[in-house]
N, C-alpha and C. Protein backbone atom coordinates (compact mmCIF):
# COMPACT_ATOMS: atom_id res chain seq x y z
N MET A 1 117.75 95.47 88.43
CA MET A 1 117.66 95.97 87.06
C MET A 1 116.40 96.80 86.88
N LYS A 2 116.53 97.92 86.20
CA LYS A 2 115.37 98.78 85.99
C LYS A 2 114.81 98.59 84.59
N LYS A 3 114.37 99.63 83.97
CA LYS A 3 113.58 99.56 82.75
C LYS A 3 114.36 98.97 81.57
N THR A 4 113.68 98.09 80.83
CA THR A 4 114.18 97.63 79.54
C THR A 4 113.26 98.21 78.47
N ASP A 5 113.29 97.64 77.29
CA ASP A 5 112.41 98.12 76.22
C ASP A 5 111.02 97.51 76.29
N THR A 6 110.78 96.65 77.28
CA THR A 6 109.49 95.98 77.44
C THR A 6 108.43 96.98 77.91
N PRO A 7 107.23 96.96 77.33
CA PRO A 7 106.16 97.84 77.82
C PRO A 7 105.87 97.56 79.30
N SER A 8 105.68 98.62 80.07
CA SER A 8 105.45 98.47 81.51
C SER A 8 104.05 97.95 81.82
N GLN A 9 103.95 97.28 82.93
CA GLN A 9 102.65 96.76 83.37
C GLN A 9 102.63 96.68 84.89
N ALA A 10 101.54 97.15 85.48
CA ALA A 10 101.32 96.99 86.91
C ALA A 10 100.38 95.80 87.11
N ILE A 11 100.68 94.98 88.12
CA ILE A 11 99.92 93.77 88.40
C ILE A 11 99.51 93.78 89.87
N PHE A 12 98.26 93.45 90.15
CA PHE A 12 97.75 93.46 91.52
C PHE A 12 97.77 92.04 92.07
N ILE A 13 98.50 91.85 93.17
CA ILE A 13 98.59 90.54 93.81
C ILE A 13 97.76 90.55 95.08
N THR A 14 96.72 89.73 95.08
CA THR A 14 95.79 89.68 96.21
C THR A 14 95.76 88.28 96.80
N GLY A 15 94.97 88.09 97.84
CA GLY A 15 94.86 86.79 98.48
C GLY A 15 93.43 86.47 98.83
N ILE A 16 93.20 85.23 99.23
CA ILE A 16 91.85 84.82 99.60
C ILE A 16 91.48 85.35 100.98
N ASP A 17 92.49 85.77 101.74
CA ASP A 17 92.24 86.40 103.04
C ASP A 17 93.50 87.15 103.45
N THR A 18 93.53 87.61 104.68
CA THR A 18 94.61 88.50 105.09
C THR A 18 95.93 87.78 105.33
N ASP A 19 95.91 86.46 105.47
CA ASP A 19 97.14 85.72 105.77
C ASP A 19 97.33 84.58 104.79
N ALA A 20 97.11 84.86 103.52
CA ALA A 20 97.18 83.81 102.50
C ALA A 20 98.61 83.58 102.01
N GLY A 21 99.49 84.54 102.23
CA GLY A 21 100.86 84.41 101.76
C GLY A 21 101.21 85.39 100.66
N LYS A 22 100.51 86.53 100.60
CA LYS A 22 100.71 87.50 99.52
C LYS A 22 102.13 88.05 99.49
N THR A 23 102.72 88.30 100.65
CA THR A 23 104.04 88.91 100.68
C THR A 23 105.08 88.00 100.05
N TYR A 24 105.04 86.72 100.42
CA TYR A 24 105.98 85.75 99.84
C TYR A 24 105.66 85.51 98.36
N ALA A 25 104.38 85.50 98.01
CA ALA A 25 103.99 85.31 96.62
C ALA A 25 104.48 86.47 95.76
N THR A 26 104.36 87.69 96.29
CA THR A 26 104.82 88.87 95.56
C THR A 26 106.32 88.81 95.32
N ALA A 27 107.08 88.47 96.37
CA ALA A 27 108.52 88.37 96.23
C ALA A 27 108.92 87.24 95.28
N SER A 28 108.24 86.11 95.37
CA SER A 28 108.56 84.96 94.51
C SER A 28 108.27 85.27 93.05
N TYR A 29 107.15 85.92 92.80
CA TYR A 29 106.80 86.27 91.42
C TYR A 29 107.78 87.31 90.88
N ALA A 30 108.18 88.24 91.74
CA ALA A 30 109.18 89.23 91.34
C ALA A 30 110.49 88.56 90.94
N ARG A 31 110.93 87.59 91.74
CA ARG A 31 112.17 86.88 91.43
C ARG A 31 112.06 86.15 90.09
N MET A 32 110.92 85.52 89.84
CA MET A 32 110.71 84.81 88.58
C MET A 32 110.81 85.76 87.39
N LEU A 33 110.19 86.94 87.51
CA LEU A 33 110.24 87.91 86.42
C LEU A 33 111.66 88.46 86.22
N GLU A 34 112.37 88.67 87.33
CA GLU A 34 113.75 89.14 87.23
C GLU A 34 114.62 88.13 86.50
N GLU A 35 114.37 86.86 86.74
CA GLU A 35 115.14 85.81 86.06
C GLU A 35 114.83 85.77 84.57
N GLN A 36 113.71 86.37 84.18
CA GLN A 36 113.36 86.48 82.76
C GLN A 36 113.95 87.73 82.12
N GLY A 37 114.70 88.50 82.92
CA GLY A 37 115.37 89.69 82.40
C GLY A 37 114.58 90.97 82.50
N LEU A 38 113.49 90.97 83.28
CA LEU A 38 112.66 92.16 83.42
C LEU A 38 113.08 92.98 84.63
N GLY A 39 112.87 94.28 84.54
CA GLY A 39 113.07 95.16 85.68
C GLY A 39 111.80 95.18 86.51
N VAL A 40 111.89 94.78 87.78
CA VAL A 40 110.71 94.58 88.62
C VAL A 40 110.85 95.33 89.93
N ILE A 41 109.75 95.92 90.39
CA ILE A 41 109.70 96.51 91.73
C ILE A 41 108.35 96.17 92.34
N THR A 42 108.33 96.08 93.66
CA THR A 42 107.08 95.81 94.37
C THR A 42 106.57 97.07 95.04
N GLN A 43 105.26 97.12 95.20
CA GLN A 43 104.59 98.25 95.84
C GLN A 43 103.51 97.70 96.77
N LYS A 44 103.25 98.39 97.85
CA LYS A 44 102.15 98.03 98.75
C LYS A 44 100.98 98.96 98.48
N PHE A 45 99.81 98.38 98.23
CA PHE A 45 98.62 99.16 97.90
C PHE A 45 98.26 100.11 99.04
N ILE A 46 97.89 99.56 100.18
CA ILE A 46 97.65 100.33 101.40
C ILE A 46 98.22 99.52 102.55
N GLN A 47 99.11 100.11 103.33
CA GLN A 47 99.71 99.42 104.46
C GLN A 47 99.05 99.88 105.75
N THR A 48 98.61 98.92 106.55
CA THR A 48 98.08 99.25 107.87
C THR A 48 98.94 98.58 108.94
N GLY A 49 98.83 99.09 110.15
CA GLY A 49 99.58 98.51 111.26
C GLY A 49 101.05 98.89 111.27
N CYS A 50 101.41 99.98 110.61
CA CYS A 50 102.81 100.42 110.55
C CYS A 50 102.88 101.93 110.72
N ILE A 51 104.05 102.41 111.09
CA ILE A 51 104.30 103.84 111.21
C ILE A 51 105.55 104.18 110.39
N GLY A 52 105.38 105.03 109.40
CA GLY A 52 106.53 105.52 108.64
C GLY A 52 106.94 104.66 107.47
N THR A 53 107.11 103.36 107.71
CA THR A 53 107.55 102.46 106.64
C THR A 53 106.62 101.25 106.58
N SER A 54 106.63 100.57 105.46
CA SER A 54 105.79 99.40 105.24
C SER A 54 106.55 98.12 105.59
N GLU A 55 106.01 97.34 106.51
CA GLU A 55 106.66 96.09 106.87
C GLU A 55 106.65 95.09 105.71
N ASP A 56 105.64 95.18 104.85
CA ASP A 56 105.58 94.26 103.71
C ASP A 56 106.64 94.61 102.67
N ILE A 57 106.85 95.90 102.42
CA ILE A 57 107.92 96.31 101.51
C ILE A 57 109.28 95.92 102.08
N GLU A 58 109.45 96.09 103.38
CA GLU A 58 110.71 95.67 104.01
C GLU A 58 110.92 94.17 103.84
N ALA A 59 109.84 93.39 103.94
CA ALA A 59 109.93 91.94 103.75
C ALA A 59 110.31 91.61 102.30
N HIS A 60 109.72 92.32 101.35
CA HIS A 60 110.08 92.10 99.94
C HIS A 60 111.57 92.33 99.72
N ARG A 61 112.08 93.44 100.27
CA ARG A 61 113.49 93.78 100.05
C ARG A 61 114.40 92.73 100.72
N ARG A 62 113.99 92.26 101.89
CA ARG A 62 114.79 91.25 102.58
C ARG A 62 114.79 89.93 101.79
N LEU A 63 113.61 89.52 101.32
CA LEU A 63 113.50 88.26 100.59
C LEU A 63 114.24 88.31 99.26
N LEU A 64 114.21 89.48 98.62
CA LEU A 64 114.86 89.63 97.33
C LEU A 64 116.33 90.05 97.45
N GLY A 65 116.75 90.39 98.67
CA GLY A 65 118.15 90.70 98.92
C GLY A 65 118.62 92.02 98.35
N THR A 66 117.72 92.98 98.22
CA THR A 66 118.09 94.26 97.60
C THR A 66 118.43 95.35 98.60
N GLY A 67 117.92 95.23 99.83
CA GLY A 67 118.01 96.36 100.73
C GLY A 67 117.05 97.45 100.29
N GLN A 68 117.01 98.53 101.05
CA GLN A 68 116.08 99.63 100.72
C GLN A 68 116.45 100.25 99.38
N LEU A 69 115.42 100.56 98.58
CA LEU A 69 115.62 101.15 97.27
C LEU A 69 115.35 102.65 97.30
N GLU A 70 115.83 103.34 96.29
CA GLU A 70 115.56 104.77 96.16
C GLU A 70 114.06 105.05 96.18
N GLU A 71 113.30 104.20 95.48
CA GLU A 71 111.84 104.39 95.40
C GLU A 71 111.18 104.22 96.76
N ASP A 72 111.77 103.40 97.64
CA ASP A 72 111.25 103.25 99.00
C ASP A 72 111.46 104.55 99.78
N ARG A 73 112.63 105.12 99.65
CA ARG A 73 112.95 106.37 100.37
C ARG A 73 112.08 107.52 99.89
N LEU A 74 111.69 107.47 98.61
CA LEU A 74 110.84 108.52 98.05
C LEU A 74 109.36 108.32 98.40
N GLY A 75 109.03 107.20 99.00
CA GLY A 75 107.64 106.93 99.37
C GLY A 75 106.79 106.41 98.22
N LEU A 76 107.41 106.03 97.12
CA LEU A 76 106.64 105.57 95.96
C LEU A 76 106.11 104.15 96.14
N THR A 77 106.78 103.35 96.93
CA THR A 77 106.39 101.95 97.06
C THR A 77 105.39 101.69 98.18
N ALA A 78 105.17 102.64 99.03
CA ALA A 78 104.15 102.53 100.08
C ALA A 78 103.61 103.93 100.36
N PRO A 79 102.84 104.48 99.41
CA PRO A 79 102.42 105.88 99.53
C PRO A 79 101.38 106.14 100.61
N VAL A 80 100.66 105.10 101.05
CA VAL A 80 99.62 105.29 102.06
C VAL A 80 99.83 104.27 103.18
N ILE A 81 100.16 104.78 104.37
CA ILE A 81 100.43 103.93 105.53
C ILE A 81 99.60 104.42 106.71
N PHE A 82 98.93 103.49 107.38
CA PHE A 82 98.16 103.80 108.58
C PHE A 82 98.70 102.99 109.76
N SER A 83 98.55 103.54 110.95
CA SER A 83 99.17 102.93 112.13
C SER A 83 98.39 101.76 112.70
N TYR A 84 97.05 101.76 112.51
CA TYR A 84 96.24 100.73 113.16
C TYR A 84 96.12 99.50 112.27
N PRO A 85 96.34 98.28 112.81
CA PRO A 85 96.27 97.05 112.02
C PRO A 85 94.83 96.60 111.80
N ALA A 86 94.18 97.19 110.81
CA ALA A 86 92.78 96.87 110.53
C ALA A 86 92.52 97.09 109.05
N SER A 87 91.27 96.90 108.63
CA SER A 87 90.92 97.18 107.24
C SER A 87 91.20 98.65 106.95
N ALA A 88 91.42 98.97 105.69
CA ALA A 88 91.85 100.32 105.32
C ALA A 88 90.88 101.39 105.81
N GLN A 89 89.58 101.15 105.62
CA GLN A 89 88.62 102.19 106.00
C GLN A 89 88.61 102.43 107.51
N LEU A 90 88.78 101.39 108.32
CA LEU A 90 88.81 101.56 109.77
C LEU A 90 90.14 102.19 110.20
N ALA A 91 91.24 101.73 109.63
CA ALA A 91 92.55 102.29 109.98
C ALA A 91 92.60 103.78 109.66
N ALA A 92 92.03 104.17 108.51
CA ALA A 92 92.01 105.59 108.13
C ALA A 92 91.17 106.40 109.12
N ARG A 93 90.04 105.84 109.52
CA ARG A 93 89.16 106.54 110.46
C ARG A 93 89.84 106.72 111.82
N ILE A 94 90.53 105.69 112.28
CA ILE A 94 91.21 105.77 113.57
C ILE A 94 92.34 106.79 113.52
N ASP A 95 93.06 106.83 112.39
CA ASP A 95 94.16 107.79 112.25
C ASP A 95 93.66 109.20 111.90
N GLY A 96 92.36 109.33 111.61
CA GLY A 96 91.81 110.64 111.27
C GLY A 96 92.28 111.18 109.94
N ARG A 97 92.47 110.27 108.98
CA ARG A 97 92.95 110.66 107.65
C ARG A 97 92.09 110.03 106.57
N ASP A 98 92.14 110.64 105.40
CA ASP A 98 91.48 110.06 104.23
C ASP A 98 92.45 109.12 103.50
N ILE A 99 91.89 108.22 102.70
CA ILE A 99 92.70 107.34 101.86
C ILE A 99 92.86 108.01 100.50
N ASP A 100 94.05 108.40 100.18
CA ASP A 100 94.32 109.15 98.95
C ASP A 100 94.63 108.17 97.81
N LEU A 101 93.59 107.73 97.11
CA LEU A 101 93.77 106.77 96.03
C LEU A 101 94.52 107.38 94.85
N ALA A 102 94.35 108.69 94.65
CA ALA A 102 95.07 109.36 93.57
C ALA A 102 96.58 109.33 93.82
N LEU A 103 96.97 109.45 95.08
CA LEU A 103 98.39 109.38 95.43
C LEU A 103 98.95 108.01 95.11
N ILE A 104 98.16 106.97 95.39
CA ILE A 104 98.60 105.60 95.10
C ILE A 104 98.79 105.40 93.60
N SER A 105 97.79 105.80 92.81
CA SER A 105 97.88 105.59 91.37
C SER A 105 99.01 106.43 90.75
N LYS A 106 99.22 107.62 91.28
CA LYS A 106 100.32 108.46 90.79
C LYS A 106 101.67 107.80 91.07
N ALA A 107 101.80 107.19 92.26
CA ALA A 107 103.04 106.50 92.61
C ALA A 107 103.25 105.28 91.71
N THR A 108 102.17 104.55 91.43
CA THR A 108 102.28 103.39 90.53
C THR A 108 102.71 103.82 89.14
N ASP A 109 102.14 104.92 88.65
CA ASP A 109 102.51 105.42 87.33
C ASP A 109 104.00 105.78 87.26
N GLU A 110 104.51 106.39 88.32
CA GLU A 110 105.92 106.74 88.35
C GLU A 110 106.80 105.48 88.37
N LEU A 111 106.38 104.48 89.12
CA LEU A 111 107.14 103.23 89.15
C LEU A 111 107.13 102.55 87.78
N CYS A 112 106.01 102.64 87.08
CA CYS A 112 105.92 102.06 85.74
C CYS A 112 106.85 102.77 84.77
N ARG A 113 107.15 104.03 85.02
CA ARG A 113 108.10 104.74 84.17
C ARG A 113 109.54 104.27 84.42
N ARG A 114 109.74 103.67 85.60
CA ARG A 114 111.09 103.26 85.98
C ARG A 114 111.35 101.76 85.79
N TYR A 115 110.27 100.96 85.78
CA TYR A 115 110.41 99.50 85.76
C TYR A 115 109.47 98.87 84.73
N ASP A 116 109.80 97.64 84.34
CA ASP A 116 108.95 96.89 83.40
C ASP A 116 107.69 96.37 84.08
N ARG A 117 107.83 95.90 85.32
CA ARG A 117 106.69 95.35 86.05
C ARG A 117 106.64 95.96 87.45
N VAL A 118 105.44 96.37 87.84
CA VAL A 118 105.19 96.85 89.20
C VAL A 118 104.21 95.88 89.83
N LEU A 119 104.63 95.16 90.85
CA LEU A 119 103.79 94.19 91.53
C LEU A 119 103.20 94.83 92.78
N ILE A 120 101.89 95.07 92.74
CA ILE A 120 101.21 95.77 93.83
C ILE A 120 100.62 94.73 94.78
N GLU A 121 101.18 94.62 95.96
CA GLU A 121 100.60 93.71 96.96
C GLU A 121 99.40 94.37 97.62
N GLY A 122 98.25 93.71 97.52
CA GLY A 122 97.05 94.24 98.13
C GLY A 122 97.06 94.13 99.64
N ALA A 123 96.01 94.63 100.26
CA ALA A 123 95.83 94.54 101.71
C ALA A 123 94.63 93.63 101.97
N GLY A 124 94.88 92.43 102.45
CA GLY A 124 93.79 91.48 102.62
C GLY A 124 93.32 90.94 101.28
N GLY A 125 92.01 90.75 101.15
CA GLY A 125 91.44 90.21 99.92
C GLY A 125 90.85 91.30 99.04
N LEU A 126 90.18 90.86 97.98
CA LEU A 126 89.63 91.80 97.00
C LEU A 126 88.46 92.61 97.54
N MET A 127 87.75 92.08 98.53
CA MET A 127 86.58 92.78 99.05
C MET A 127 86.86 93.57 100.32
N VAL A 128 88.13 93.85 100.56
CA VAL A 128 88.48 94.72 101.69
C VAL A 128 87.93 96.12 101.41
N PRO A 129 87.19 96.70 102.37
CA PRO A 129 86.58 98.01 102.12
C PRO A 129 87.57 99.16 102.22
N ILE A 130 87.47 100.05 101.22
CA ILE A 130 88.21 101.31 101.27
C ILE A 130 87.30 102.38 101.88
N THR A 131 86.05 102.35 101.48
CA THR A 131 84.98 103.12 102.13
C THR A 131 83.81 102.14 102.29
N ASP A 132 82.68 102.65 102.79
CA ASP A 132 81.51 101.78 102.96
C ASP A 132 80.99 101.26 101.63
N GLU A 133 81.25 101.97 100.54
CA GLU A 133 80.70 101.59 99.24
C GLU A 133 81.77 101.31 98.18
N TYR A 134 83.02 101.31 98.57
CA TYR A 134 84.12 101.17 97.60
C TYR A 134 85.13 100.18 98.16
N PHE A 135 85.46 99.16 97.34
CA PHE A 135 86.30 98.08 97.80
C PHE A 135 87.59 98.00 96.97
N ALA A 136 88.54 97.22 97.46
CA ALA A 136 89.81 97.09 96.73
C ALA A 136 89.58 96.65 95.29
N ILE A 137 88.62 95.76 95.08
CA ILE A 137 88.35 95.26 93.74
C ILE A 137 87.86 96.38 92.81
N ASP A 138 87.20 97.40 93.37
CA ASP A 138 86.76 98.54 92.56
C ASP A 138 87.97 99.31 92.03
N TYR A 139 88.97 99.47 92.88
CA TYR A 139 90.19 100.16 92.45
C TYR A 139 90.88 99.37 91.35
N VAL A 140 90.97 98.06 91.53
CA VAL A 140 91.61 97.19 90.54
C VAL A 140 90.89 97.30 89.20
N ALA A 141 89.55 97.28 89.24
CA ALA A 141 88.77 97.36 88.00
C ALA A 141 88.93 98.72 87.33
N GLU A 142 88.90 99.79 88.11
CA GLU A 142 89.01 101.14 87.55
C GLU A 142 90.36 101.36 86.86
N HIS A 143 91.40 100.71 87.36
CA HIS A 143 92.74 100.91 86.81
C HIS A 143 93.14 99.77 85.87
N HIS A 144 92.19 98.88 85.59
CA HIS A 144 92.40 97.79 84.62
C HIS A 144 93.65 96.97 84.95
N LEU A 145 93.78 96.64 86.23
CA LEU A 145 94.96 95.89 86.67
C LEU A 145 94.72 94.39 86.55
N PRO A 146 95.61 93.66 85.88
CA PRO A 146 95.52 92.20 85.92
C PRO A 146 95.78 91.71 87.34
N VAL A 147 95.24 90.53 87.66
CA VAL A 147 95.24 90.04 89.04
C VAL A 147 95.96 88.70 89.15
N ILE A 148 96.69 88.56 90.24
CA ILE A 148 97.23 87.27 90.67
C ILE A 148 96.62 86.97 92.04
N LEU A 149 96.05 85.79 92.19
CA LEU A 149 95.38 85.40 93.44
C LEU A 149 96.23 84.39 94.19
N THR A 150 96.47 84.66 95.47
CA THR A 150 97.22 83.75 96.34
C THR A 150 96.25 82.94 97.19
N THR A 151 96.43 81.62 97.20
CA THR A 151 95.56 80.73 97.97
C THR A 151 96.41 79.71 98.71
N ASN A 152 95.75 78.81 99.45
CA ASN A 152 96.47 77.80 100.24
C ASN A 152 95.52 76.66 100.59
N SER A 153 95.94 75.80 101.51
CA SER A 153 95.16 74.59 101.82
C SER A 153 94.40 74.67 103.14
N ARG A 154 94.40 75.81 103.79
CA ARG A 154 93.71 75.89 105.08
C ARG A 154 92.22 75.57 104.92
N LEU A 155 91.63 75.06 105.99
CA LEU A 155 90.22 74.72 105.96
C LEU A 155 89.39 75.92 105.55
N GLY A 156 88.55 75.76 104.53
CA GLY A 156 87.74 76.85 104.01
C GLY A 156 88.35 77.54 102.81
N SER A 157 89.57 77.18 102.46
CA SER A 157 90.25 77.90 101.39
C SER A 157 89.61 77.67 100.02
N ILE A 158 89.02 76.50 99.80
CA ILE A 158 88.35 76.29 98.52
C ILE A 158 87.20 77.27 98.37
N ASN A 159 86.40 77.40 99.41
CA ASN A 159 85.28 78.35 99.39
C ASN A 159 85.78 79.77 99.12
N HIS A 160 86.81 80.19 99.85
CA HIS A 160 87.33 81.55 99.69
C HIS A 160 87.93 81.75 98.30
N THR A 161 88.57 80.71 97.78
CA THR A 161 89.19 80.80 96.46
C THR A 161 88.13 80.97 95.37
N ILE A 162 87.09 80.13 95.43
CA ILE A 162 86.05 80.19 94.40
C ILE A 162 85.29 81.52 94.49
N LEU A 163 85.01 81.99 95.69
CA LEU A 163 84.36 83.30 95.83
C LEU A 163 85.22 84.41 95.23
N SER A 164 86.52 84.36 95.48
CA SER A 164 87.42 85.37 94.91
C SER A 164 87.47 85.27 93.40
N LEU A 165 87.54 84.06 92.87
CA LEU A 165 87.57 83.88 91.42
C LEU A 165 86.27 84.33 90.77
N ASN A 166 85.15 84.07 91.44
CA ASN A 166 83.87 84.53 90.91
C ASN A 166 83.79 86.05 90.90
N ALA A 167 84.33 86.68 91.94
CA ALA A 167 84.35 88.15 91.97
C ALA A 167 85.22 88.69 90.83
N ILE A 168 86.34 88.05 90.58
CA ILE A 168 87.21 88.46 89.48
C ILE A 168 86.46 88.37 88.15
N ALA A 169 85.73 87.28 87.97
CA ALA A 169 84.95 87.11 86.73
C ALA A 169 83.83 88.13 86.65
N ASP A 170 83.12 88.35 87.76
CA ASP A 170 81.99 89.29 87.76
C ASP A 170 82.43 90.71 87.41
N TYR A 171 83.62 91.08 87.85
CA TYR A 171 84.13 92.43 87.58
C TYR A 171 84.84 92.52 86.24
N GLY A 172 84.94 91.41 85.53
CA GLY A 172 85.58 91.42 84.23
C GLY A 172 87.07 91.63 84.28
N LEU A 173 87.72 91.18 85.36
CA LEU A 173 89.15 91.36 85.52
C LEU A 173 89.93 90.27 84.81
N ASN A 174 91.17 90.57 84.49
CA ASN A 174 92.06 89.62 83.85
C ASN A 174 92.84 88.86 84.91
N LEU A 175 92.53 87.57 85.08
CA LEU A 175 93.27 86.74 86.03
C LEU A 175 94.52 86.20 85.35
N LEU A 176 95.68 86.70 85.77
CA LEU A 176 96.94 86.23 85.20
C LEU A 176 97.33 84.87 85.75
N ALA A 177 97.17 84.70 87.05
CA ALA A 177 97.66 83.47 87.67
C ALA A 177 97.05 83.28 89.05
N VAL A 178 97.11 82.03 89.51
CA VAL A 178 96.83 81.68 90.89
C VAL A 178 98.11 81.07 91.46
N ILE A 179 98.49 81.52 92.64
CA ILE A 179 99.67 80.98 93.32
C ILE A 179 99.20 80.23 94.56
N TYR A 180 99.48 78.94 94.58
CA TYR A 180 99.09 78.10 95.72
C TYR A 180 100.26 78.05 96.71
N ASN A 181 100.01 78.53 97.92
CA ASN A 181 101.03 78.63 98.96
C ASN A 181 101.07 77.34 99.79
N GLU A 182 102.16 76.59 99.70
CA GLU A 182 102.28 75.32 100.42
C GLU A 182 102.68 75.47 101.88
N HIS A 183 102.82 76.69 102.36
CA HIS A 183 103.25 76.91 103.74
C HIS A 183 102.33 76.21 104.74
N TYR A 184 101.04 76.11 104.43
CA TYR A 184 100.07 75.55 105.37
C TYR A 184 99.90 74.05 105.20
N ASP A 185 100.58 73.44 104.23
CA ASP A 185 100.51 71.99 104.05
C ASP A 185 101.35 71.29 105.12
N ASN A 186 100.85 70.18 105.63
CA ASN A 186 101.66 69.35 106.53
C ASN A 186 101.18 67.91 106.42
N ASP A 187 101.89 66.99 107.06
CA ASP A 187 101.56 65.56 106.93
C ASP A 187 100.16 65.24 107.40
N LYS A 188 99.74 65.88 108.50
CA LYS A 188 98.42 65.61 109.05
C LYS A 188 97.32 65.97 108.06
N GLU A 189 97.55 67.00 107.27
CA GLU A 189 96.53 67.47 106.35
C GLU A 189 96.90 67.18 104.89
N SER A 190 97.77 66.20 104.66
CA SER A 190 98.28 65.97 103.32
C SER A 190 97.17 65.64 102.33
N GLU A 191 96.19 64.86 102.76
CA GLU A 191 95.10 64.51 101.85
C GLU A 191 94.26 65.74 101.51
N ILE A 192 93.99 66.57 102.52
CA ILE A 192 93.24 67.81 102.29
C ILE A 192 94.01 68.72 101.35
N ALA A 193 95.31 68.88 101.63
CA ALA A 193 96.13 69.76 100.81
C ALA A 193 96.18 69.29 99.36
N ALA A 194 96.37 68.00 99.18
CA ALA A 194 96.46 67.47 97.82
C ALA A 194 95.15 67.66 97.06
N ASP A 195 94.04 67.42 97.75
CA ASP A 195 92.74 67.57 97.09
C ASP A 195 92.46 69.04 96.77
N THR A 196 92.80 69.93 97.71
CA THR A 196 92.59 71.36 97.48
C THR A 196 93.39 71.83 96.28
N LYS A 197 94.64 71.44 96.24
CA LYS A 197 95.53 71.82 95.15
C LYS A 197 94.98 71.34 93.80
N GLU A 198 94.53 70.10 93.76
CA GLU A 198 94.02 69.53 92.51
C GLU A 198 92.69 70.14 92.11
N PHE A 199 91.82 70.37 93.10
CA PHE A 199 90.51 70.96 92.80
C PHE A 199 90.66 72.35 92.19
N ILE A 200 91.52 73.16 92.79
CA ILE A 200 91.73 74.52 92.26
C ILE A 200 92.27 74.45 90.83
N GLY A 201 93.18 73.52 90.59
CA GLY A 201 93.71 73.36 89.24
C GLY A 201 92.64 72.99 88.24
N ARG A 202 91.74 72.09 88.63
CA ARG A 202 90.65 71.69 87.73
C ARG A 202 89.70 72.86 87.49
N TYR A 203 89.41 73.61 88.54
CA TYR A 203 88.49 74.75 88.40
C TYR A 203 89.07 75.80 87.46
N LEU A 204 90.37 76.07 87.60
CA LEU A 204 91.01 77.04 86.70
C LEU A 204 90.98 76.56 85.26
N ALA A 205 91.26 75.29 85.05
CA ALA A 205 91.26 74.76 83.70
C ALA A 205 89.89 74.89 83.05
N SER A 206 88.85 74.77 83.85
CA SER A 206 87.49 74.84 83.33
C SER A 206 86.99 76.27 83.15
N HIS A 207 87.32 77.14 84.09
CA HIS A 207 86.73 78.49 84.10
C HIS A 207 87.71 79.60 83.73
N PHE A 208 89.01 79.38 83.90
CA PHE A 208 90.02 80.40 83.57
C PHE A 208 91.16 79.72 82.82
N PRO A 209 90.90 79.20 81.64
CA PRO A 209 91.90 78.39 80.93
C PRO A 209 93.17 79.16 80.56
N MET A 210 93.11 80.48 80.52
CA MET A 210 94.29 81.26 80.14
C MET A 210 95.18 81.59 81.35
N ALA A 211 94.67 81.38 82.56
CA ALA A 211 95.43 81.73 83.76
C ALA A 211 96.49 80.66 84.06
N GLU A 212 97.63 81.11 84.55
CA GLU A 212 98.69 80.17 84.96
C GLU A 212 98.43 79.71 86.39
N TYR A 213 99.02 78.58 86.73
CA TYR A 213 98.84 78.01 88.07
C TYR A 213 100.22 77.64 88.61
N PHE A 214 100.58 78.26 89.73
CA PHE A 214 101.90 78.04 90.33
C PHE A 214 101.76 77.44 91.72
N ILE A 215 102.72 76.63 92.07
CA ILE A 215 102.89 76.16 93.44
C ILE A 215 104.07 76.90 94.05
N MET A 216 103.86 77.49 95.23
CA MET A 216 104.94 78.18 95.94
C MET A 216 105.33 77.34 97.15
N PRO A 217 106.46 76.65 97.11
CA PRO A 217 106.87 75.82 98.25
C PRO A 217 107.09 76.66 99.50
N GLU A 218 106.99 76.02 100.65
CA GLU A 218 107.26 76.73 101.91
C GLU A 218 108.66 77.32 101.85
N TYR A 219 108.79 78.56 102.27
CA TYR A 219 110.06 79.28 102.16
C TYR A 219 111.11 78.66 103.07
N ASP A 220 112.26 78.34 102.48
CA ASP A 220 113.37 77.75 103.22
C ASP A 220 114.65 78.53 102.99
N GLY A 221 114.48 79.80 102.65
CA GLY A 221 115.63 80.64 102.36
C GLY A 221 115.84 80.88 100.88
N VAL A 222 115.06 80.17 100.05
CA VAL A 222 115.15 80.32 98.59
C VAL A 222 113.77 80.62 98.04
N LEU A 223 113.64 81.68 97.24
CA LEU A 223 112.38 82.01 96.58
C LEU A 223 112.26 81.19 95.31
N ARG A 224 111.18 80.43 95.20
CA ARG A 224 110.99 79.65 93.98
C ARG A 224 109.51 79.31 93.82
N MET A 225 109.12 79.08 92.58
CA MET A 225 107.78 78.66 92.28
C MET A 225 107.83 77.59 91.18
N LYS A 226 106.88 76.69 91.24
CA LYS A 226 106.76 75.65 90.22
C LYS A 226 105.47 75.88 89.44
N LYS A 227 105.59 75.98 88.13
CA LYS A 227 104.42 76.20 87.29
C LYS A 227 103.75 74.86 86.98
N LEU A 228 102.47 74.74 87.33
CA LEU A 228 101.72 73.52 87.06
C LEU A 228 101.07 73.55 85.67
N ARG A 229 100.71 74.76 85.24
CA ARG A 229 100.17 74.87 83.87
C ARG A 229 100.21 76.34 83.42
């Protein structure tokens, strides 16, 4: 489903690190919004490690069961792709190209004209460098994009989560939600996972009371999320 009468909004979905579960979180959040009757499309901010097409966009389409969309063929959903699997600034340097941020924002604007929600999956975390002095979080702040943060229970995730949340606060960004990815939970680490999950919930309640908190169960063929608050 495409545009309804709802005002359009682009949302930036980031993670505490490069393997936090952003792709599944983006698809799961998209499915939730679709079930609310909104027209939703996903976009990749900057894709590295690919040639021609974005593997993350392909994953979104597979998870959501849509197949390739017209906007994918037009290059609107992954306007900047680099071949080397590294941070954006290094991948651009290796490919001998500049990162065209204007092209990205223009593509997002066009998607907003077509859909109610544009979910922009980031590349890595908020402090991924675009240049030596410009980071992903700078782009998010300049374009006034609300943020969804993806986290999990891996060792060190509390530290990474709090640092990311502090950066969001320091930049004056609007934190819409935190999505806790249960993919990394297992019986051996059940106590760690439970404590991590609860600690993050308490921290959000204290410091980001307006933000929602979701649990994303390990993917078993069905996209779903449980809202904790």
